[in-house]
Amino acid sequence: MQLKKICVLGGSGFVGSAIVAKLDAAGYAVTVLTRRREAAKHLFLLPNVKVLECDVLDYSALNAVLRGADAVINLIGILHQSRRTSFNTIHHQLPAQLAKICADLGIKRLIQMSSLGADEHAPSQYLRSKAAGESALKAMQDKLNITIFKPSIIFGRGDNFTNLFATLIKCLPVVLLAKPNAKFQPVWVEDVASCFVNSIENRNTYGQTYELVGPKVYRFKELLQQIMQALSVQRPIVGLNDTLSYLQALVMEFLPVKLMSRDNVKSMEVDSVSQQPFPAVFGLVPSALEAVLPEYLADCHARGAYDRFRSLAAR
């Protein structure tokens, strides 16, 4: 049976937009669920895409909008908790309820975005909640064809990692860096999007969990040096020890722009790297950070950096 109608939760964000664009190009009929329809206006011109405003935590409303879908992709995740949304609610309870709704509606195909390093014994609430979500889905594998993706940091035009640090580098004379030796294996958003789209009707991916990483491992400090090189800017980097890293994160938790939290620092205690090669089932070679980064950071400038901070602060 062909799976032609795809519903994407979180399809208006950085990764979601890349996936939705590829789904549209592949001829799928895509429904994007978003909290604010206006936030997805960049998707309005895609001919096969429909954007619906929906509170996905209202499970009766979610049930109604998913009816008739052939497959569901869940990309919803948060890096910081708030009064309304906790890690447990978003990363555990939502996937668990989503799986039950899919089973009740006869939607057999479900693809989930998790995170590299997710483990029930991980030091951070973020990673533990991601692991709980994975476990909830795996408990439903007798009823659903589930694929789980666990990427390292995802980079690309519009990301909230390399672009954020490019902003900081432009604005600050010195970068005070928490956990400078934490390890990451960044993967390009277009490679991640290709894997999601290619997996939809590939039965070999059913019931599988895939780690998605780029070709090279970097320490956190080395990543910032790559960003500086792409910007043709140099700034001193002062690596903070663990105590100062947590103190910096504590202070940042009170800023209007949430740059880092103590839980984020705990996540960095686990290296975001894979011991496995890039999954051969998807037939692609992951792109290197050095090859892609200059393409979208070269036009970063101070005024744009200021505007970005205003955007992050919702001002």
C-alpha atoms as a PDB file:
ATOM      1  CA  MET A   1       0.000   0.000   0.000  1.00  0.00           C
ATOM      2  CA  GLN A   2       1.323   3.413  -0.915  1.00  0.00           C
ATOM      3  CA  LEU A   3       1.604   5.912   1.913  1.00  0.00           C
ATOM      4  CA  LYS A   4       0.656   9.204   0.305  1.00  0.00           C
ATOM      5  CA  LYS A   5      -0.926  11.349   3.027  1.00  0.00           C
ATOM      6  CA  ILE A   6       1.666  12.408   5.587  1.00  0.00           C
ATOM      7  CA  CYS A   7       0.950  14.393   8.743  1.00  0.00           C
ATOM      8  CA  VAL A   8       3.930  16.185  10.293  1.00  0.00           C
ATOM      9  CA  LEU A   9       3.909  17.393  13.894  1.00  0.00           C
ATOM     10  CA  GLY A  10       6.411  20.214  14.294  1.00  0.00           C
ATOM     11  CA  GLY A  11       6.729  20.665  10.555  1.00  0.00           C
ATOM     12  CA  SER A  12       7.222  24.432  10.617  1.00  0.00           C
ATOM     13  CA  GLY A  13      10.518  24.425  12.519  1.00  0.00           C
ATOM     14  CA  PHE A  14      14.085  24.241  11.277  1.00  0.00           C
ATOM     15  CA  VAL A  15      14.251  20.477  10.672  1.00  0.00           C
ATOM     16  CA  GLY A  16      10.558  20.161   9.904  1.00  0.00           C
ATOM     17  CA  SER A  17      10.700  22.718   7.107  1.00  0.00           C
ATOM     18  CA  ALA A  18      13.496  20.781   5.394  1.00  0.00           C
ATOM     19  CA  ILE A  19      11.573  17.509   5.700  1.00  0.00           C
ATOM     20  CA  VAL A  20       8.301  19.042   4.500  1.00  0.00           C
ATOM     21  CA  ALA A  21      10.019  20.574   1.452  1.00  0.00           C
ATOM     22  CA  LYS A  22      11.408  17.169   0.471  1.00  0.00           C
ATOM     23  CA  LEU A  23       8.047  15.473   1.076  1.00  0.00           C
ATOM     24  CA  ASP A  24       6.393  18.052  -1.162  1.00  0.00           C
ATOM     25  CA  ALA A  25       9.009  17.551  -3.886  1.00  0.00           C
ATOM     26  CA  ALA A  26       8.463  13.781  -3.685  1.00  0.00           C
ATOM     27  CA  GLY A  27       4.750  14.222  -4.350  1.00  0.00           C
ATOM     28  CA  TYR A  28       3.351  13.436  -0.914  1.00  0.00           C
ATOM     29  CA  ALA A  29       0.233  15.238   0.319  1.00  0.00           C
ATOM     30  CA  VAL A  30       1.487  16.846   3.522  1.00  0.00           C
ATOM     31  CA  THR A  31      -0.433  18.252   6.460  1.00  0.00           C
ATOM     32  CA  VAL A  32       1.679  20.319   8.852  1.00  0.00           C
ATOM     33  CA  LEU A  33       0.410  20.775  12.398  1.00  0.00           C
ATOM     34  CA  THR A  34       1.611  23.910  14.155  1.00  0.00           C
ATOM     35  CA  ARG A  35       0.655  26.000  17.196  1.00  0.00           C
ATOM     36  CA  ARG A  36       0.623  29.192  15.121  1.00  0.00           C
ATOM     37  CA  ARG A  37      -0.258  29.036  11.446  1.00  0.00           C
ATOM     38  CA  GLU A  38       1.540  32.325  10.844  1.00  0.00           C
ATOM     39  CA  ALA A  39       4.814  30.687  11.911  1.00  0.00           C
ATOM     40  CA  ALA A  40       4.506  28.320   8.945  1.00  0.00           C
ATOM     41  CA  LYS A  41       3.827  30.912   6.249  1.00  0.00           C
ATOM     42  CA  HIS A  42       7.092  29.988   4.514  1.00  0.00           C
ATOM     43  CA  LEU A  43       5.407  26.654   3.678  1.00  0.00           C
ATOM     44  CA  PHE A  44       2.252  28.160   2.155  1.00  0.00           C
ATOM     45  CA  LEU A  45       3.627  28.216  -1.396  1.00  0.00           C
ATOM     46  CA  LEU A  46       4.451  24.506  -1.459  1.00  0.00           C
ATOM     47  CA  PRO A  47       1.745  23.014  -3.702  1.00  0.00           C
ATOM     48  CA  ASN A  48       1.216  19.754  -1.818  1.00  0.00           C
ATOM     49  CA  VAL A  49       1.317  21.202   1.703  1.00  0.00           C
ATOM     50  CA  LYS A  50      -1.578  22.169   3.966  1.00  0.00           C
ATOM     51  CA  VAL A  51      -0.918  23.946   7.266  1.00  0.00           C
ATOM     52  CA  LEU A  52      -3.311  23.463  10.187  1.00  0.00           C
ATOM     53  CA  GLU A  53      -3.275  25.206  13.544  1.00  0.00           C
ATOM     54  CA  CYS A  54      -3.542  22.598  16.284  1.00  0.00           C
ATOM     55  CA  ASP A  55      -2.660  22.198  19.946  1.00  0.00           C
ATOM     56  CA  VAL A  56      -1.089  18.743  19.770  1.00  0.00           C
ATOM     57  CA  LEU A  57      -1.406  18.388  23.553  1.00  0.00           C
ATOM     58  CA  ASP A  58      -5.185  18.452  23.086  1.00  0.00           C
ATOM     59  CA  TYR A  59      -5.423  14.772  22.251  1.00  0.00           C
ATOM     60  CA  SER A  60      -9.044  14.882  21.082  1.00  0.00           C
ATOM     61  CA  ALA A  61      -8.134  17.633  18.609  1.00  0.00           C
ATOM     62  CA  LEU A  62      -5.059  15.665  17.552  1.00  0.00           C
ATOM     63  CA  ASN A  63      -7.193  12.592  16.952  1.00  0.00           C
ATOM     64  CA  ALA A  64      -9.491  14.600  14.698  1.00  0.00           C
ATOM     65  CA  VAL A  65      -6.766  16.104  12.492  1.00  0.00           C
ATOM     66  CA  LEU A  66      -4.852  12.830  12.113  1.00  0.00           C
ATOM     67  CA  ARG A  67      -7.877  10.982  10.768  1.00  0.00           C
ATOM     68  CA  GLY A  68      -7.249   9.914   7.163  1.00  0.00           C
ATOM     69  CA  ALA A  69      -3.448  10.120   7.310  1.00  0.00           C
ATOM     70  CA  ASP A  70      -1.322   7.239   6.011  1.00  0.00           C
ATOM     71  CA  ALA A  71       1.773   8.100   8.054  1.00  0.00           C
ATOM     72  CA  VAL A  72       2.757  10.448  10.871  1.00  0.00           C
ATOM     73  CA  ILE A  73       6.104  12.122  11.547  1.00  0.00           C
ATOM     74  CA  ASN A  74       6.671  13.570  15.022  1.00  0.00           C
ATOM     75  CA  LEU A  75       9.406  16.196  15.248  1.00  0.00           C
ATOM     76  CA  ILE A  76       8.211  18.065  18.318  1.00  0.00           C
ATOM     77  CA  GLY A  77      10.865  18.637  20.940  1.00  0.00           C
ATOM     78  CA  ILE A  78      12.058  21.302  23.369  1.00  0.00           C
ATOM     79  CA  LEU A  79      15.472  22.186  24.783  1.00  0.00           C
ATOM     80  CA  HIS A  80      14.082  24.183  27.708  1.00  0.00           C
ATOM     81  CA  GLN A  81      11.124  23.498  29.986  1.00  0.00           C
ATOM     82  CA  SER A  82       8.469  26.093  30.764  1.00  0.00           C
ATOM     83  CA  ARG A  83       5.392  26.350  32.947  1.00  0.00           C
ATOM     84  CA  ARG A  84       3.269  24.945  30.124  1.00  0.00           C
ATOM     85  CA  THR A  85       5.598  22.356  28.654  1.00  0.00           C
ATOM     86  CA  SER A  86       7.849  19.915  30.444  1.00  0.00           C
ATOM     87  CA  PHE A  87      10.312  17.437  28.962  1.00  0.00           C
ATOM     88  CA  ASN A  88       8.094  14.615  30.182  1.00  0.00           C
ATOM     89  CA  THR A  89       4.987  16.070  28.531  1.00  0.00           C
ATOM     90  CA  ILE A  90       6.618  16.744  25.164  1.00  0.00           C
ATOM     91  CA  HIS A  91       9.152  13.922  24.826  1.00  0.00           C
ATOM     92  CA  HIS A  92       7.380  11.083  26.657  1.00  0.00           C
ATOM     93  CA  GLN A  93       3.645  11.599  27.056  1.00  0.00           C
ATOM     94  CA  LEU A  94       3.061  13.101  23.595  1.00  0.00           C
ATOM     95  CA  PRO A  95       4.765  10.261  21.644  1.00  0.00           C
ATOM     96  CA  ALA A  96       3.002   7.693  23.838  1.00  0.00           C
ATOM     97  CA  GLN A  97      -0.421   9.254  23.196  1.00  0.00           C
ATOM     98  CA  LEU A  98       0.391   9.782  19.533  1.00  0.00           C
ATOM     99  CA  ALA A  99       1.172   6.085  19.114  1.00  0.00           C
ATOM    100  CA  LYS A 100      -2.125   5.127  20.750  1.00  0.00           C
ATOM    101  CA  ILE A 101      -4.057   7.533  18.525  1.00  0.00           C
ATOM    102  CA  CYS A 102      -2.346   6.157  15.418  1.00  0.00           C
ATOM    103  CA  ALA A 103      -3.183   2.595  16.462  1.00  0.00           C
ATOM    104  CA  ASP A 104      -6.815   3.525  17.143  1.00  0.00           C
ATOM    105  CA  LEU A 105      -7.129   5.246  13.752  1.00  0.00           C
ATOM    106  CA  GLY A 106      -5.422   2.441  11.842  1.00  0.00           C
ATOM    107  CA  ILE A 107      -2.417   4.592  10.906  1.00  0.00           C
ATOM    108  CA  LYS A 108       0.362   2.025  10.770  1.00  0.00           C
ATOM    109  CA  ARG A 109       3.380   4.206   9.975  1.00  0.00           C
ATOM    110  CA  LEU A 110       4.979   6.427  12.616  1.00  0.00           C
ATOM    111  CA  ILE A 111       8.404   8.093  12.457  1.00  0.00           C
ATOM    112  CA  GLN A 112       9.853   9.712  15.568  1.00  0.00           C
ATOM    113  CA  MET A 113      12.641  12.226  16.131  1.00  0.00           C
ATOM    114  CA  SER A 114      14.657  11.407  19.243  1.00  0.00           C
ATOM    115  CA  SER A 115      18.190  12.422  20.214  1.00  0.00           C
ATOM    116  CA  LEU A 116      21.633  10.874  20.237  1.00  0.00           C
ATOM    117  CA  GLY A 117      22.576  10.067  23.815  1.00  0.00           C
ATOM    118  CA  ALA A 118      19.004   9.434  24.950  1.00  0.00           C
ATOM    119  CA  ASP A 119      19.141   6.878  27.744  1.00  0.00           C
ATOM    120  CA  GLU A 120      17.102   6.157  30.851  1.00  0.00           C
ATOM    121  CA  HIS A 121      20.247   6.601  32.972  1.00  0.00           C
ATOM    122  CA  ALA A 122      21.460   9.790  31.232  1.00  0.00           C
ATOM    123  CA  PRO A 123      22.476  12.719  33.477  1.00  0.00           C
ATOM    124  CA  SER A 124      19.961  15.203  32.038  1.00  0.00           C
ATOM    125  CA  GLN A 125      16.170  15.301  32.194  1.00  0.00           C
ATOM    126  CA  TYR A 126      16.173  16.077  28.473  1.00  0.00           C
ATOM    127  CA  LEU A 127      17.953  12.862  27.490  1.00  0.00           C
ATOM    128  CA  ARG A 128      16.022  10.737  29.990  1.00  0.00           C
ATOM    129  CA  SER A 129      12.709  12.059  28.669  1.00  0.00           C
ATOM    130  CA  LYS A 130      13.762  11.291  25.092  1.00  0.00           C
ATOM    131  CA  ALA A 131      14.589   7.733  26.169  1.00  0.00           C
ATOM    132  CA  ALA A 132      11.195   7.397  27.855  1.00  0.00           C
ATOM    133  CA  GLY A 133       9.528   8.451  24.609  1.00  0.00           C
ATOM    134  CA  GLU A 134      11.490   5.838  22.680  1.00  0.00           C
ATOM    135  CA  SER A 135      10.474   3.140  25.164  1.00  0.00           C
ATOM    136  CA  ALA A 136       6.804   4.114  24.893  1.00  0.00           C
ATOM    137  CA  LEU A 137       6.955   3.774  21.109  1.00  0.00           C
ATOM    138  CA  LYS A 138       8.830   0.487  21.156  1.00  0.00           C
ATOM    139  CA  ALA A 139       6.091  -0.910  23.385  1.00  0.00           C
ATOM    140  CA  MET A 140       3.680  -0.292  20.469  1.00  0.00           C
ATOM    141  CA  GLN A 141       5.747  -1.980  17.759  1.00  0.00           C
ATOM    142  CA  ASP A 142       3.368  -4.928  17.593  1.00  0.00           C
ATOM    143  CA  LYS A 143       0.703  -2.508  16.325  1.00  0.00           C
ATOM    144  CA  LEU A 144       2.711   0.084  14.386  1.00  0.00           C
ATOM    145  CA  ASN A 145       5.589   0.278  11.911  1.00  0.00           C
ATOM    146  CA  ILE A 146       7.862   2.632  13.825  1.00  0.00           C
ATOM    147  CA  THR A 147      11.219   4.156  12.897  1.00  0.00           C
ATOM    148  CA  ILE A 148      13.208   6.247  15.377  1.00  0.00           C
ATOM    149  CA  PHE A 149      15.967   8.674  14.405  1.00  0.00           C
ATOM    150  CA  LYS A 150      18.610   9.819  16.898  1.00  0.00           C
ATOM    151  CA  PRO A 151      20.707  12.642  15.417  1.00  0.00           C
ATOM    152  CA  SER A 152      23.606  14.521  16.931  1.00  0.00           C
ATOM    153  CA  ILE A 153      23.453  18.316  16.633  1.00  0.00           C
ATOM    154  CA  ILE A 154      21.733  19.249  13.366  1.00  0.00           C
ATOM    155  CA  PHE A 155      23.206  22.195  11.484  1.00  0.00           C
ATOM    156  CA  GLY A 156      22.120  24.194   8.471  1.00  0.00           C
ATOM    157  CA  ARG A 157      20.668  27.509   7.356  1.00  0.00           C
ATOM    158  CA  GLY A 158      18.319  28.715  10.080  1.00  0.00           C
ATOM    159  CA  ASP A 159      19.511  26.350  12.822  1.00  0.00           C
ATOM    160  CA  ASN A 160      19.611  27.394  16.467  1.00  0.00           C
ATOM    161  CA  PHE A 161      23.143  26.177  17.083  1.00  0.00           C
ATOM    162  CA  THR A 162      25.703  27.413  14.575  1.00  0.00           C
ATOM    163  CA  ASN A 163      23.669  30.550  13.865  1.00  0.00           C
ATOM    164  CA  LEU A 164      23.275  31.302  17.562  1.00  0.00           C
ATOM    165  CA  PHE A 165      26.986  30.995  18.221  1.00  0.00           C
ATOM    166  CA  ALA A 166      27.728  33.035  15.108  1.00  0.00           C
ATOM    167  CA  THR A 167      25.554  35.730  16.688  1.00  0.00           C
ATOM    168  CA  LEU A 168      27.453  35.527  19.972  1.00  0.00           C
ATOM    169  CA  ILE A 169      30.807  35.620  18.216  1.00  0.00           C
ATOM    170  CA  LYS A 170      29.764  38.745  16.319  1.00  0.00           C
ATOM    171  CA  CYS A 171      28.474  40.489  19.434  1.00  0.00           C
ATOM    172  CA  LEU A 172      31.006  39.524  22.110  1.00  0.00           C
ATOM    173  CA  PRO A 173      34.716  40.366  22.387  1.00  0.00           C
ATOM    174  CA  VAL A 174      35.398  37.101  24.267  1.00  0.00           C
ATOM    175  CA  VAL A 175      33.442  33.825  24.276  1.00  0.00           C
ATOM    176  CA  LEU A 176      33.085  32.146  27.678  1.00  0.00           C
ATOM    177  CA  LEU A 177      32.386  28.549  26.715  1.00  0.00           C
ATOM    178  CA  ALA A 178      30.793  25.939  28.963  1.00  0.00           C
ATOM    179  CA  LYS A 179      32.013  22.356  28.583  1.00  0.00           C
ATOM    180  CA  PRO A 180      34.641  23.221  25.911  1.00  0.00           C
ATOM    181  CA  ASN A 181      35.686  19.574  25.528  1.00  0.00           C
ATOM    182  CA  ALA A 182      32.187  18.152  25.049  1.00  0.00           C
ATOM    183  CA  LYS A 183      32.074  16.136  21.825  1.00  0.00           C
ATOM    184  CA  PHE A 184      29.590  16.424  18.966  1.00  0.00           C
ATOM    185  CA  GLN A 185      29.244  14.856  15.528  1.00  0.00           C
ATOM    186  CA  PRO A 186      27.106  17.429  13.661  1.00  0.00           C
ATOM    187  CA  VAL A 187      24.860  16.250  10.837  1.00  0.00           C
ATOM    188  CA  TRP A 188      23.492  18.433   8.021  1.00  0.00           C
ATOM    189  CA  VAL A 189      19.754  19.097   8.088  1.00  0.00           C
ATOM    190  CA  GLU A 190      19.368  18.116   4.416  1.00  0.00           C
ATOM    191  CA  ASP A 191      20.873  14.691   5.145  1.00  0.00           C
ATOM    192  CA  VAL A 192      18.522  14.225   8.090  1.00  0.00           C
ATOM    193  CA  ALA A 193      15.544  15.263   5.967  1.00  0.00           C
ATOM    194  CA  SER A 194      16.525  12.815   3.221  1.00  0.00           C
ATOM    195  CA  CYS A 195      16.636   9.968   5.741  1.00  0.00           C
ATOM    196  CA  PHE A 196      13.174  10.773   7.061  1.00  0.00           C
ATOM    197  CA  VAL A 197      11.632  10.957   3.599  1.00  0.00           C
ATOM    198  CA  ASN A 198      13.447   7.886   2.272  1.00  0.00           C
ATOM    199  CA  SER A 199      12.327   5.829   5.254  1.00  0.00           C
ATOM    200  CA  ILE A 200       8.587   6.372   4.867  1.00  0.00           C
ATOM    201  CA  GLU A 201       7.888   3.499   2.472  1.00  0.00           C
ATOM    202  CA  ASN A 202      11.094   1.516   3.009  1.00  0.00           C
ATOM    203  CA  ARG A 203      10.026  -1.615   4.889  1.00  0.00           C
ATOM    204  CA  ASN A 204      13.639  -2.309   5.842  1.00  0.00           C
ATOM    205  CA  THR A 205      13.453   0.658   8.213  1.00  0.00           C
ATOM    206  CA  TYR A 206      10.361  -0.567  10.059  1.00  0.00           C
ATOM    207  CA  GLY A 207      11.109  -1.306  13.700  1.00  0.00           C
ATOM    208  CA  GLN A 208      14.580   0.219  13.449  1.00  0.00           C
ATOM    209  CA  THR A 209      16.406   2.940  15.380  1.00  0.00           C
ATOM    210  CA  TYR A 210      19.071   4.926  13.525  1.00  0.00           C
ATOM    211  CA  GLU A 211      21.817   7.207  14.803  1.00  0.00           C
ATOM    212  CA  LEU A 212      22.442  10.077  12.378  1.00  0.00           C
ATOM    213  CA  VAL A 213      25.810  11.814  12.506  1.00  0.00           C
ATOM    214  CA  GLY A 214      28.189  13.660  10.240  1.00  0.00           C
ATOM    215  CA  PRO A 215      31.595  12.381   9.117  1.00  0.00           C
ATOM    216  CA  LYS A 216      33.657  14.119  11.816  1.00  0.00           C
ATOM    217  CA  VAL A 217      33.755  14.477  15.613  1.00  0.00           C
ATOM    218  CA  TYR A 218      34.465  17.924  17.096  1.00  0.00           C
ATOM    219  CA  ARG A 219      35.033  19.211  20.583  1.00  0.00           C
ATOM    220  CA  PHE A 220      32.768  22.134  21.438  1.00  0.00           C
ATOM    221  CA  LYS A 221      35.677  24.581  21.235  1.00  0.00           C
ATOM    222  CA  GLU A 222      36.631  23.224  17.798  1.00  0.00           C
ATOM    223  CA  LEU A 223      33.073  23.797  16.580  1.00  0.00           C
ATOM    224  CA  LEU A 224      33.277  27.445  17.559  1.00  0.00           C
ATOM    225  CA  GLN A 225      36.600  27.732  15.769  1.00  0.00           C
ATOM    226  CA  GLN A 226      34.940  26.360  12.612  1.00  0.00           C
ATOM    227  CA  ILE A 227      32.196  28.970  12.942  1.00  0.00           C
ATOM    228  CA  MET A 228      34.771  31.737  13.367  1.00  0.00           C
ATOM    229  CA  GLN A 229      36.603  30.538  10.283  1.00  0.00           C
ATOM    230  CA  ALA A 230      33.379  30.628   8.250  1.00  0.00           C
ATOM    231  CA  LEU A 231      32.731  34.176   9.493  1.00  0.00           C
ATOM    232  CA  SER A 232      36.334  35.291   8.928  1.00  0.00           C
ATOM    233  CA  VAL A 233      36.292  36.510  12.533  1.00  0.00           C
ATOM    234  CA  GLN A 234      38.524  35.614  15.463  1.00  0.00           C
ATOM    235  CA  ARG A 235      37.588  35.860  19.133  1.00  0.00           C
ATOM    236  CA  PRO A 236      39.335  34.496  22.229  1.00  0.00           C
ATOM    237  CA  ILE A 237      37.580  31.406  23.609  1.00  0.00           C
ATOM    238  CA  VAL A 238      37.808  30.889  27.365  1.00  0.00           C
ATOM    239  CA  GLY A 239      36.839  27.350  28.307  1.00  0.00           C
ATOM    240  CA  LEU A 240      35.005  27.101  31.630  1.00  0.00           C
ATOM    241  CA  ASN A 241      35.482  24.289  34.125  1.00  0.00           C
ATOM    242  CA  ASP A 242      32.461  22.289  35.308  1.00  0.00           C
ATOM    243  CA  THR A 243      31.683  24.548  38.261  1.00  0.00           C
ATOM    244  CA  LEU A 244      31.779  27.722  36.172  1.00  0.00           C
ATOM    245  CA  SER A 245      29.853  26.002  33.357  1.00  0.00           C
ATOM    246  CA  TYR A 246      26.952  25.300  35.721  1.00  0.00           C
ATOM    247  CA  LEU A 247      27.160  28.789  37.221  1.00  0.00           C
ATOM    248  CA  GLN A 248      27.033  30.376  33.762  1.00  0.00           C
ATOM    249  CA  ALA A 249      24.026  28.211  32.852  1.00  0.00           C
ATOM    250  CA  LEU A 250      22.256  29.165  36.087  1.00  0.00           C
ATOM    251  CA  VAL A 251      22.646  32.858  35.288  1.00  0.00           C
ATOM    252  CA  MET A 252      21.448  32.298  31.710  1.00  0.00           C
ATOM    253  CA  GLU A 253      18.261  30.647  32.950  1.00  0.00           C
ATOM    254  CA  PHE A 254      17.104  34.083  34.136  1.00  0.00           C
ATOM    255  CA  LEU A 255      17.760  35.886  30.842  1.00  0.00           C
ATOM    256  CA  PRO A 256      14.881  36.720  28.448  1.00  0.00           C
ATOM    257  CA  VAL A 257      16.754  34.820  25.722  1.00  0.00           C
ATOM    258  CA  LYS A 258      17.184  31.216  26.874  1.00  0.00           C
ATOM    259  CA  LEU A 259      20.673  30.399  25.613  1.00  0.00           C
ATOM    260  CA  MET A 260      21.563  27.555  27.972  1.00  0.00           C
ATOM    261  CA  SER A 261      20.322  25.796  31.102  1.00  0.00           C
ATOM    262  CA  ARG A 262      21.924  23.597  33.735  1.00  0.00           C
ATOM    263  CA  ASP A 263      20.128  20.647  32.160  1.00  0.00           C
ATOM    264  CA  ASN A 264      21.776  21.477  28.820  1.00  0.00           C
ATOM    265  CA  VAL A 265      25.155  21.350  30.556  1.00  0.00           C
ATOM    266  CA  LYS A 266      24.260  17.947  31.999  1.00  0.00           C
ATOM    267  CA  SER A 267      23.397  16.737  28.482  1.00  0.00           C
ATOM    268  CA  MET A 268      26.895  17.710  27.373  1.00  0.00           C
ATOM    269  CA  GLU A 269      28.354  15.282  29.903  1.00  0.00           C
ATOM    270  CA  VAL A 270      27.408  12.612  27.344  1.00  0.00           C
ATOM    271  CA  ASP A 271      29.371  12.782  24.081  1.00  0.00           C
ATOM    272  CA  SER A 272      26.950  13.284  21.192  1.00  0.00           C
ATOM    273  CA  VAL A 273      28.843  10.905  18.904  1.00  0.00           C
ATOM    274  CA  SER A 274      28.124   7.529  17.331  1.00  0.00           C
ATOM    275  CA  GLN A 275      30.215   4.391  17.121  1.00  0.00           C
ATOM    276  CA  GLN A 276      28.168   3.308  14.104  1.00  0.00           C
ATOM    277  CA  PRO A 277      28.633   4.309  10.449  1.00  0.00           C
ATOM    278  CA  PHE A 278      25.955   6.371   8.740  1.00  0.00           C
ATOM    279  CA  PRO A 279      23.063   3.983   7.943  1.00  0.00           C
ATOM    280  CA  ALA A 280      23.730   2.433   4.534  1.00  0.00           C
ATOM    281  CA  VAL A 281      20.012   1.805   3.970  1.00  0.00           C
ATOM    282  CA  PHE A 282      19.564   5.476   3.016  1.00  0.00           C
ATOM    283  CA  GLY A 283      22.228   5.418   0.315  1.00  0.00           C
ATOM    284  CA  LEU A 284      23.899   8.735   1.035  1.00  0.00           C
ATOM    285  CA  VAL A 285      27.227  10.019   2.294  1.00  0.00           C
ATOM    286  CA  PRO A 286      26.753  12.677   5.006  1.00  0.00           C
ATOM    287  CA  SER A 287      28.062  16.138   4.200  1.00  0.00           C
ATOM    288  CA  ALA A 288      30.947  17.644   6.150  1.00  0.00           C
ATOM    289  CA  LEU A 289      30.395  20.693   8.340  1.00  0.00           C
ATOM    290  CA  GLU A 290      33.323  22.541   6.744  1.00  0.00           C
ATOM    291  CA  ALA A 291      31.780  22.181   3.289  1.00  0.00           C
ATOM    292  CA  VAL A 292      28.361  23.570   4.228  1.00  0.00           C
ATOM    293  CA  LEU A 293      28.947  26.081   7.026  1.00  0.00           C
ATOM    294  CA  PRO A 294      30.450  28.910   4.900  1.00  0.00           C
ATOM    295  CA  GLU A 295      27.481  28.785   2.516  1.00  0.00           C
ATOM    296  CA  TYR A 296      25.052  30.180   5.068  1.00  0.00           C
ATOM    297  CA  LEU A 297      27.221  31.905   7.689  1.00  0.00           C
ATOM    298  CA  ALA A 298      29.209  34.095   5.306  1.00  0.00           C
ATOM    299  CA  ASP A 299      26.422  36.698   5.157  1.00  0.00           C
ATOM    300  CA  CYS A 300      26.013  36.879   8.938  1.00  0.00           C
ATOM    301  CA  HIS A 301      26.549  40.466  10.129  1.00  0.00           C
ATOM    302  CA  ALA A 302      26.220  42.485  13.302  1.00  0.00           C
ATOM    303  CA  ARG A 303      22.791  43.994  12.527  1.00  0.00           C
ATOM    304  CA  GLY A 304      21.458  40.534  11.698  1.00  0.00           C
ATOM    305  CA  ALA A 305      22.900  39.272  14.963  1.00  0.00           C
ATOM    306  CA  TYR A 306      21.055  41.985  16.907  1.00  0.00           C
ATOM    307  CA  ASP A 307      17.803  41.199  15.100  1.00  0.00           C
ATOM    308  CA  ARG A 308      18.263  37.525  15.877  1.00  0.00           C
ATOM    309  CA  PHE A 309      18.492  38.226  19.615  1.00  0.00           C
ATOM    310  CA  ARG A 310      15.303  40.300  19.400  1.00  0.00           C
ATOM    311  CA  SER A 311      13.585  37.422  17.612  1.00  0.00           C
ATOM    312  CA  LEU A 312      14.711  34.889  20.217  1.00  0.00           C
ATOM    313  CA  ALA A 313      13.462  37.179  22.974  1.00  0.00           C
ATOM    314  CA  ALA A 314      10.130  37.613  21.121  1.00  0.00           C
ATOM    315  CA  ARG A 315      10.561  41.400  21.116  1.00  0.00           C
END
